[in-house]
Amino acid sequence: MHASDIQSKFPVVGRETSAVEAARLIAKDGRPGLVIADKEGKPVAVVSAVDVLGLLVPPYVLDDMSLAGVFDENAAEEMWNHASEHTIGELLDNDRVRIYDLLTVDADATILEVAAQMADARTQVALVASEGEARFVTLPAVMDAILRFCTPESKKA
């Protein structure tokens, strides 16, 4: 099995993408993060779903976690209404957020090669090198492929 066997489309966003739109893209299919494109639309980086979540939570709540328990649902809803004012660009400019360079793997790389490269790069998404539309492998797809080769403990007895 190779990277090309488990590749798929993956949303690519730009700096101007709102936090709410980014969250929708993540939540829709349970994605581990998003791929970020440069000004020319070329995929160049990966941001984690957790960091996008951080855009939705007001900074003053992140700075003082005790505030999260003080606000009722109405107050929280008011906060969520302001989330669309934030963009992916803010994550790119935030020194506390780790933006990963987009790993590129060969289309004919084995699952072991892909897994090793992704683990080494500490990334959950990798671009599959090929001509045409950008395709990606994700950590869940790689793990699923690995698990196909694993024998459950119950079968070893």
N, C-alpha and C. Protein backbone atom coordinates (compact mmCIF):
# COMPACT_ATOMS: atom_id res chain seq x y z
N MET A 1 0.85 -1.17 0.00
CA MET A 1 0.00 0.00 0.00
C MET A 1 0.90 1.24 0.00
N HIS A 2 0.47 2.25 -0.75
CA HIS A 2 1.27 3.46 -0.93
C HIS A 2 0.45 4.71 -0.59
N ALA A 3 1.15 5.83 -0.51
CA ALA A 3 0.49 7.11 -0.21
C ALA A 3 -0.63 7.39 -1.19
N SER A 4 -0.41 7.08 -2.45
CA SER A 4 -1.44 7.34 -3.47
C SER A 4 -2.71 6.52 -3.23
N ASP A 5 -2.60 5.42 -2.50
CA ASP A 5 -3.76 4.57 -2.22
C ASP A 5 -4.67 5.15 -1.13
N ILE A 6 -4.12 6.01 -0.29
CA ILE A 6 -4.92 6.56 0.82
C ILE A 6 -5.07 8.08 0.74
N GLN A 7 -4.64 8.66 -0.36
CA GLN A 7 -4.73 10.11 -0.51
C GLN A 7 -6.18 10.54 -0.70
N SER A 8 -6.45 11.79 -0.35
CA SER A 8 -7.80 12.32 -0.52
C SER A 8 -7.73 13.84 -0.66
N LYS A 9 -8.86 14.41 -1.03
CA LYS A 9 -8.95 15.87 -1.06
C LYS A 9 -8.98 16.36 0.38
N PHE A 10 -8.55 17.58 0.55
CA PHE A 10 -8.50 18.17 1.89
C PHE A 10 -8.67 19.67 1.71
N PRO A 11 -9.46 20.30 2.57
CA PRO A 11 -9.66 21.74 2.38
C PRO A 11 -8.37 22.54 2.57
N VAL A 12 -8.19 23.49 1.69
CA VAL A 12 -7.04 24.39 1.75
C VAL A 12 -7.61 25.79 1.96
N VAL A 13 -7.11 26.47 2.99
CA VAL A 13 -7.62 27.80 3.33
C VAL A 13 -6.51 28.83 3.20
N GLY A 14 -6.91 30.09 3.16
CA GLY A 14 -5.97 31.20 3.09
C GLY A 14 -5.98 32.00 4.37
N ARG A 15 -5.10 32.98 4.45
CA ARG A 15 -5.01 33.85 5.63
C ARG A 15 -6.34 34.52 5.95
N GLU A 16 -7.12 34.82 4.91
CA GLU A 16 -8.36 35.57 5.10
C GLU A 16 -9.53 34.71 5.56
N THR A 17 -9.37 33.41 5.61
CA THR A 17 -10.45 32.52 6.04
C THR A 17 -10.82 32.80 7.49
N SER A 18 -12.11 32.97 7.75
CA SER A 18 -12.54 33.28 9.11
C SER A 18 -12.40 32.07 10.03
N ALA A 19 -12.30 32.34 11.32
CA ALA A 19 -12.20 31.27 12.31
C ALA A 19 -13.43 30.38 12.26
N VAL A 20 -14.59 30.97 12.03
CA VAL A 20 -15.84 30.20 11.98
C VAL A 20 -15.84 29.27 10.77
N GLU A 21 -15.45 29.76 9.61
CA GLU A 21 -15.39 28.92 8.42
C GLU A 21 -14.37 27.80 8.61
N ALA A 22 -13.23 28.13 9.19
CA ALA A 22 -12.21 27.11 9.45
C ALA A 22 -12.75 26.05 10.41
N ALA A 23 -13.45 26.47 11.45
CA ALA A 23 -14.04 25.53 12.40
C ALA A 23 -15.07 24.63 11.72
N ARG A 24 -15.86 25.20 10.84
CA ARG A 24 -16.85 24.40 10.10
C ARG A 24 -16.17 23.32 9.25
N LEU A 25 -15.10 23.69 8.58
CA LEU A 25 -14.37 22.73 7.75
C LEU A 25 -13.79 21.59 8.59
N ILE A 26 -13.34 21.91 9.78
CA ILE A 26 -12.79 20.90 10.67
C ILE A 26 -13.90 20.01 11.23
N ALA A 27 -14.96 20.64 11.72
CA ALA A 27 -16.04 19.89 12.37
C ALA A 27 -16.82 19.02 11.40
N LYS A 28 -16.96 19.48 10.18
CA LYS A 28 -17.78 18.76 9.19
C LYS A 28 -17.34 17.31 9.03
N ASP A 29 -16.06 17.08 8.92
CA ASP A 29 -15.55 15.73 8.69
C ASP A 29 -14.56 15.27 9.76
N GLY A 30 -14.55 15.95 10.90
CA GLY A 30 -13.65 15.56 11.98
C GLY A 30 -12.18 15.64 11.59
N ARG A 31 -11.82 16.69 10.89
CA ARG A 31 -10.44 16.83 10.40
C ARG A 31 -9.48 17.18 11.54
N PRO A 32 -8.24 16.74 11.43
CA PRO A 32 -7.25 17.02 12.48
C PRO A 32 -6.68 18.44 12.41
N GLY A 33 -6.97 19.14 11.33
CA GLY A 33 -6.45 20.49 11.13
C GLY A 33 -6.78 20.95 9.74
N LEU A 34 -6.10 21.99 9.30
CA LEU A 34 -6.32 22.54 7.97
C LEU A 34 -4.99 22.82 7.29
N VAL A 35 -5.02 22.75 5.97
CA VAL A 35 -3.86 23.12 5.16
C VAL A 35 -4.02 24.60 4.80
N ILE A 36 -2.93 25.34 4.91
CA ILE A 36 -2.95 26.77 4.62
C ILE A 36 -2.16 27.02 3.33
N ALA A 37 -2.75 27.83 2.47
CA ALA A 37 -2.11 28.17 1.19
C ALA A 37 -1.45 29.54 1.29
N ASP A 38 -0.42 29.73 0.45
CA ASP A 38 0.21 31.04 0.36
C ASP A 38 -0.64 31.94 -0.55
N LYS A 39 -0.13 33.12 -0.85
CA LYS A 39 -0.89 34.09 -1.67
C LYS A 39 -1.22 33.56 -3.06
N GLU A 40 -0.39 32.66 -3.56
CA GLU A 40 -0.60 32.10 -4.90
C GLU A 40 -1.53 30.88 -4.87
N GLY A 41 -1.97 30.49 -3.69
CA GLY A 41 -2.86 29.34 -3.57
C GLY A 41 -2.14 28.01 -3.42
N LYS A 42 -0.81 28.05 -3.29
CA LYS A 42 -0.02 26.82 -3.13
C LYS A 42 -0.06 26.38 -1.66
N PRO A 43 -0.42 25.11 -1.39
CA PRO A 43 -0.43 24.62 -0.01
C PRO A 43 0.98 24.66 0.58
N VAL A 44 1.13 25.29 1.77
CA VAL A 44 2.46 25.45 2.34
C VAL A 44 2.57 25.09 3.82
N ALA A 45 1.46 25.04 4.55
CA ALA A 45 1.55 24.84 6.00
C ALA A 45 0.31 24.11 6.51
N VAL A 46 0.42 23.66 7.76
CA VAL A 46 -0.69 22.97 8.42
C VAL A 46 -0.90 23.61 9.79
N VAL A 47 -2.15 23.83 10.14
CA VAL A 47 -2.51 24.32 11.47
C VAL A 47 -3.43 23.29 12.10
N SER A 48 -3.24 23.05 13.39
CA SER A 48 -4.02 22.02 14.07
C SER A 48 -5.43 22.50 14.39
N ALA A 49 -6.33 21.56 14.55
CA ALA A 49 -7.71 21.87 14.93
C ALA A 49 -7.74 22.56 16.30
N VAL A 50 -6.85 22.18 17.19
CA VAL A 50 -6.80 22.79 18.52
C VAL A 50 -6.47 24.27 18.42
N ASP A 51 -5.56 24.63 17.52
CA ASP A 51 -5.22 26.04 17.37
C ASP A 51 -6.36 26.84 16.76
N VAL A 52 -7.11 26.23 15.86
CA VAL A 52 -8.30 26.90 15.32
C VAL A 52 -9.33 27.08 16.43
N LEU A 53 -9.48 26.08 17.29
CA LEU A 53 -10.37 26.21 18.45
C LEU A 53 -9.97 27.41 19.30
N GLY A 54 -8.67 27.61 19.46
CA GLY A 54 -8.19 28.75 20.23
C GLY A 54 -8.60 30.09 19.66
N LEU A 55 -8.84 30.16 18.35
CA LEU A 55 -9.34 31.40 17.73
C LEU A 55 -10.79 31.68 18.13
N LEU A 56 -11.53 30.63 18.43
CA LEU A 56 -12.94 30.79 18.78
C LEU A 56 -13.13 31.26 20.22
N VAL A 57 -12.17 30.95 21.08
CA VAL A 57 -12.26 31.31 22.49
C VAL A 57 -11.59 32.67 22.69
N PRO A 58 -12.28 33.61 23.34
CA PRO A 58 -11.68 34.94 23.55
C PRO A 58 -10.35 34.84 24.30
N PRO A 59 -9.37 35.65 23.90
CA PRO A 59 -8.05 35.60 24.54
C PRO A 59 -8.08 35.80 26.05
N TYR A 60 -8.98 36.66 26.54
CA TYR A 60 -9.02 36.90 27.98
C TYR A 60 -9.49 35.67 28.74
N VAL A 61 -10.27 34.81 28.11
CA VAL A 61 -10.68 33.56 28.75
C VAL A 61 -9.50 32.57 28.75
N LEU A 62 -8.74 32.55 27.66
CA LEU A 62 -7.55 31.69 27.61
C LEU A 62 -6.51 32.13 28.64
N ASP A 63 -6.43 33.44 28.89
CA ASP A 63 -5.47 33.96 29.86
C ASP A 63 -5.90 33.69 31.30
N ASP A 64 -7.22 33.60 31.54
CA ASP A 64 -7.75 33.34 32.88
C ASP A 64 -8.86 32.30 32.77
N MET A 65 -8.47 31.04 32.83
CA MET A 65 -9.41 29.93 32.61
C MET A 65 -10.59 29.94 33.58
N SER A 66 -10.43 30.57 34.75
CA SER A 66 -11.54 30.59 35.71
C SER A 66 -12.74 31.35 35.15
N LEU A 67 -12.51 32.23 34.19
CA LEU A 67 -13.62 32.97 33.58
C LEU A 67 -14.56 32.06 32.80
N ALA A 68 -14.05 30.97 32.28
CA ALA A 68 -14.87 30.05 31.49
C ALA A 68 -16.04 29.51 32.30
N GLY A 69 -15.87 29.35 33.60
CA GLY A 69 -16.94 28.84 34.45
C GLY A 69 -17.88 29.91 34.96
N VAL A 70 -17.56 31.17 34.73
CA VAL A 70 -18.37 32.28 35.22
C VAL A 70 -19.47 32.66 34.25
N PHE A 71 -19.20 32.55 32.96
CA PHE A 71 -20.15 32.99 31.95
C PHE A 71 -21.25 31.94 31.74
N ASP A 72 -22.49 32.41 31.66
CA ASP A 72 -23.59 31.49 31.36
C ASP A 72 -23.70 31.31 29.84
N GLU A 73 -24.65 30.50 29.41
CA GLU A 73 -24.78 30.20 27.98
C GLU A 73 -25.06 31.45 27.14
N ASN A 74 -25.85 32.38 27.65
CA ASN A 74 -26.15 33.61 26.90
C ASN A 74 -24.88 34.43 26.69
N ALA A 75 -24.08 34.55 27.73
CA ALA A 75 -22.83 35.30 27.61
C ALA A 75 -21.87 34.59 26.66
N ALA A 76 -21.83 33.27 26.75
CA ALA A 76 -20.95 32.51 25.86
C ALA A 76 -21.40 32.67 24.41
N GLU A 77 -22.70 32.66 24.18
CA GLU A 77 -23.22 32.84 22.82
C GLU A 77 -22.79 34.20 22.26
N GLU A 78 -22.80 35.21 23.10
CA GLU A 78 -22.34 36.54 22.69
C GLU A 78 -20.87 36.48 22.26
N MET A 79 -20.08 35.71 22.99
CA MET A 79 -18.66 35.57 22.64
C MET A 79 -18.51 34.86 21.30
N TRP A 80 -19.28 33.78 21.09
CA TRP A 80 -19.17 33.03 19.84
C TRP A 80 -19.54 33.90 18.64
N ASN A 81 -20.44 34.85 18.85
CA ASN A 81 -20.84 35.74 17.75
C ASN A 81 -19.68 36.58 17.24
N HIS A 82 -18.68 36.78 18.06
CA HIS A 82 -17.52 37.58 17.66
C HIS A 82 -16.41 36.73 17.03
N ALA A 83 -16.57 35.43 17.05
CA ALA A 83 -15.52 34.54 16.54
C ALA A 83 -15.26 34.75 15.05
N SER A 84 -16.29 35.13 14.30
CA SER A 84 -16.11 35.31 12.85
C SER A 84 -15.23 36.51 12.52
N GLU A 85 -14.93 37.34 13.51
CA GLU A 85 -14.06 38.49 13.29
C GLU A 85 -12.58 38.07 13.19
N HIS A 86 -12.28 36.86 13.61
CA HIS A 86 -10.90 36.37 13.61
C HIS A 86 -10.62 35.55 12.36
N THR A 87 -9.35 35.54 11.95
CA THR A 87 -8.97 34.84 10.72
C THR A 87 -7.79 33.89 10.96
N ILE A 88 -7.60 33.01 10.01
CA ILE A 88 -6.46 32.10 10.03
C ILE A 88 -5.15 32.89 10.04
N GLY A 89 -5.14 34.05 9.41
CA GLY A 89 -3.95 34.89 9.41
C GLY A 89 -3.47 35.23 10.81
N GLU A 90 -4.40 35.36 11.76
CA GLU A 90 -4.02 35.65 13.15
C GLU A 90 -3.21 34.50 13.74
N LEU A 91 -3.55 33.27 13.36
CA LEU A 91 -2.78 32.12 13.83
C LEU A 91 -1.37 32.15 13.26
N LEU A 92 -1.26 32.52 11.99
CA LEU A 92 0.04 32.57 11.34
C LEU A 92 0.95 33.62 11.99
N ASP A 93 0.34 34.67 12.52
CA ASP A 93 1.10 35.76 13.12
C ASP A 93 1.32 35.60 14.62
N ASN A 94 0.75 34.55 15.23
CA ASN A 94 0.81 34.36 16.67
C ASN A 94 2.01 33.48 17.02
N ASP A 95 2.92 34.03 17.82
CA ASP A 95 4.13 33.30 18.19
C ASP A 95 3.84 32.08 19.07
N ARG A 96 2.69 32.06 19.75
CA ARG A 96 2.35 30.93 20.62
C ARG A 96 1.79 29.74 19.85
N VAL A 97 1.46 29.95 18.58
CA VAL A 97 0.86 28.89 17.77
C VAL A 97 1.94 28.25 16.91
N ARG A 98 1.99 26.94 16.92
CA ARG A 98 2.96 26.21 16.10
C ARG A 98 2.32 25.92 14.74
N ILE A 99 2.85 26.54 13.72
CA ILE A 99 2.43 26.29 12.35
C ILE A 99 3.47 25.35 11.75
N TYR A 100 3.01 24.22 11.26
CA TYR A 100 3.92 23.22 10.70
C TYR A 100 4.07 23.43 9.21
N ASP A 101 5.32 23.36 8.73
CA ASP A 101 5.53 23.36 7.29
C ASP A 101 4.84 22.12 6.73
N LEU A 102 4.30 22.25 5.54
CA LEU A 102 3.59 21.14 4.93
C LEU A 102 4.59 20.10 4.44
N LEU A 103 4.51 18.93 5.00
CA LEU A 103 5.34 17.80 4.59
C LEU A 103 4.85 17.31 3.23
N THR A 104 5.78 16.98 2.35
CA THR A 104 5.44 16.38 1.06
C THR A 104 6.01 14.97 1.02
N VAL A 105 5.15 14.02 0.65
CA VAL A 105 5.57 12.62 0.53
C VAL A 105 5.38 12.18 -0.91
N ASP A 106 6.21 11.24 -1.35
CA ASP A 106 6.08 10.71 -2.70
C ASP A 106 4.81 9.88 -2.82
N ALA A 107 4.19 9.93 -3.98
CA ALA A 107 2.97 9.16 -4.21
C ALA A 107 3.21 7.67 -4.06
N ASP A 108 4.43 7.22 -4.39
CA ASP A 108 4.73 5.79 -4.29
C ASP A 108 5.39 5.40 -2.96
N ALA A 109 5.42 6.33 -2.00
CA ALA A 109 5.97 6.02 -0.68
C ALA A 109 5.09 4.97 0.00
N THR A 110 5.73 4.03 0.68
CA THR A 110 4.97 3.01 1.41
C THR A 110 4.32 3.65 2.64
N ILE A 111 3.38 2.93 3.23
CA ILE A 111 2.72 3.43 4.43
C ILE A 111 3.75 3.60 5.55
N LEU A 112 4.71 2.70 5.65
CA LEU A 112 5.75 2.83 6.67
C LEU A 112 6.57 4.10 6.44
N GLU A 113 6.92 4.38 5.19
CA GLU A 113 7.66 5.61 4.89
C GLU A 113 6.84 6.85 5.25
N VAL A 114 5.57 6.84 4.88
CA VAL A 114 4.70 7.98 5.18
C VAL A 114 4.56 8.15 6.69
N ALA A 115 4.32 7.05 7.40
CA ALA A 115 4.17 7.11 8.86
C ALA A 115 5.43 7.64 9.52
N ALA A 116 6.58 7.17 9.09
CA ALA A 116 7.85 7.62 9.67
C ALA A 116 8.08 9.10 9.41
N GLN A 117 7.80 9.55 8.20
CA GLN A 117 8.00 10.96 7.86
C GLN A 117 7.02 11.85 8.64
N MET A 118 5.77 11.42 8.75
CA MET A 118 4.78 12.22 9.48
C MET A 118 5.11 12.28 10.97
N ALA A 119 5.53 11.15 11.54
CA ALA A 119 5.91 11.13 12.96
C ALA A 119 7.11 12.03 13.20
N ASP A 120 8.09 11.97 12.32
CA ASP A 120 9.29 12.79 12.46
C ASP A 120 8.96 14.27 12.35
N ALA A 121 8.07 14.62 11.43
CA ALA A 121 7.68 16.02 11.22
C ALA A 121 6.62 16.48 12.22
N ARG A 122 6.06 15.53 12.99
CA ARG A 122 5.01 15.82 13.97
C ARG A 122 3.83 16.54 13.31
N THR A 123 3.40 15.98 12.18
CA THR A 123 2.29 16.58 11.44
C THR A 123 1.18 15.57 11.24
N GLN A 124 -0.01 16.07 11.06
CA GLN A 124 -1.17 15.21 10.87
C GLN A 124 -1.66 15.18 9.43
N VAL A 125 -1.02 15.98 8.58
CA VAL A 125 -1.41 16.06 7.17
C VAL A 125 -0.15 16.19 6.33
N ALA A 126 -0.11 15.49 5.21
CA ALA A 126 1.02 15.59 4.28
C ALA A 126 0.50 15.69 2.86
N LEU A 127 1.16 16.48 2.06
CA LEU A 127 0.84 16.62 0.64
C LEU A 127 1.46 15.45 -0.11
N VAL A 128 0.68 14.85 -1.01
CA VAL A 128 1.20 13.78 -1.85
C VAL A 128 1.72 14.41 -3.14
N ALA A 129 3.01 14.22 -3.41
CA ALA A 129 3.63 14.82 -4.59
C ALA A 129 3.09 14.18 -5.85
N SER A 130 2.42 14.98 -6.66
CA SER A 130 1.89 14.50 -7.94
C SER A 130 1.46 15.69 -8.77
N GLU A 131 1.22 15.43 -10.02
CA GLU A 131 0.73 16.48 -10.92
C GLU A 131 -0.78 16.63 -10.71
N GLY A 132 -1.29 17.81 -11.02
CA GLY A 132 -2.74 18.01 -10.94
C GLY A 132 -3.18 18.54 -9.58
N GLU A 133 -4.44 18.27 -9.27
CA GLU A 133 -5.05 18.77 -8.04
C GLU A 133 -4.33 18.23 -6.80
N ALA A 134 -4.12 19.10 -5.82
CA ALA A 134 -3.44 18.69 -4.59
C ALA A 134 -4.25 17.62 -3.87
N ARG A 135 -3.55 16.57 -3.46
CA ARG A 135 -4.13 15.49 -2.66
C ARG A 135 -3.26 15.30 -1.42
N PHE A 136 -3.89 14.81 -0.37
CA PHE A 136 -3.22 14.73 0.92
C PHE A 136 -3.44 13.38 1.58
N VAL A 137 -2.53 13.02 2.48
CA VAL A 137 -2.75 11.90 3.38
C VAL A 137 -2.88 12.48 4.78
N THR A 138 -3.78 11.90 5.56
CA THR A 138 -4.00 12.38 6.92
C THR A 138 -3.57 11.32 7.93
N LEU A 139 -3.31 11.76 9.13
CA LEU A 139 -2.93 10.84 10.20
C LEU A 139 -3.97 9.73 10.39
N PRO A 140 -5.28 10.04 10.45
CA PRO A 140 -6.25 8.96 10.59
C PRO A 140 -6.19 7.94 9.44
N ALA A 141 -5.96 8.40 8.22
CA ALA A 141 -5.88 7.47 7.08
C ALA A 141 -4.64 6.59 7.19
N VAL A 142 -3.53 7.17 7.63
CA VAL A 142 -2.30 6.39 7.80
C VAL A 142 -2.48 5.36 8.91
N MET A 143 -3.06 5.78 10.02
CA MET A 143 -3.27 4.84 11.12
C MET A 143 -4.23 3.72 10.72
N ASP A 144 -5.26 4.06 9.97
CA ASP A 144 -6.19 3.04 9.49
C ASP A 144 -5.46 2.03 8.61
N ALA A 145 -4.59 2.52 7.74
CA ALA A 145 -3.82 1.62 6.87
C ALA A 145 -2.91 0.72 7.69
N ILE A 146 -2.27 1.28 8.71
CA ILE A 146 -1.39 0.48 9.58
C ILE A 146 -2.19 -0.59 10.30
N LEU A 147 -3.35 -0.21 10.81
CA LEU A 147 -4.17 -1.16 11.58
C LEU A 147 -4.66 -2.34 10.74
N ARG A 148 -4.72 -2.16 9.44
CA ARG A 148 -5.10 -3.28 8.57
C ARG A 148 -4.06 -4.40 8.63
N PHE A 149 -2.83 -4.05 8.99
CA PHE A 149 -1.76 -5.04 9.06
C PHE A 149 -1.59 -5.62 10.46
N CYS A 150 -2.19 -4.98 11.45
CA CYS A 150 -2.02 -5.41 12.84
C CYS A 150 -2.95 -6.57 13.16
N THR A 151 -2.43 -7.53 13.92
CA THR A 151 -3.24 -8.66 14.36
C THR A 151 -3.72 -8.37 15.77
N PRO A 152 -5.02 -8.40 16.01
CA PRO A 152 -5.52 -8.17 17.36
C PRO A 152 -4.95 -9.19 18.35
N GLU A 153 -4.78 -8.78 19.58
CA GLU A 153 -4.23 -9.65 20.63
C GLU A 153 -5.04 -10.94 20.77
N SER A 154 -6.35 -10.84 20.57
CA SER A 154 -7.20 -12.02 20.76
C SER A 154 -6.92 -13.10 19.72
N LYS A 155 -6.39 -12.73 18.57
CA LYS A 155 -6.11 -13.72 17.53
C LYS A 155 -4.74 -14.37 17.71
N LYS A 156 -3.90 -13.80 18.57
CA LYS A 156 -2.56 -14.35 18.78
C LYS A 156 -2.59 -15.61 19.64
N ALA A 157 -3.61 -15.76 20.45
CA ALA A 157 -3.69 -16.91 21.38
C ALA A 157 -3.99 -18.20 20.68
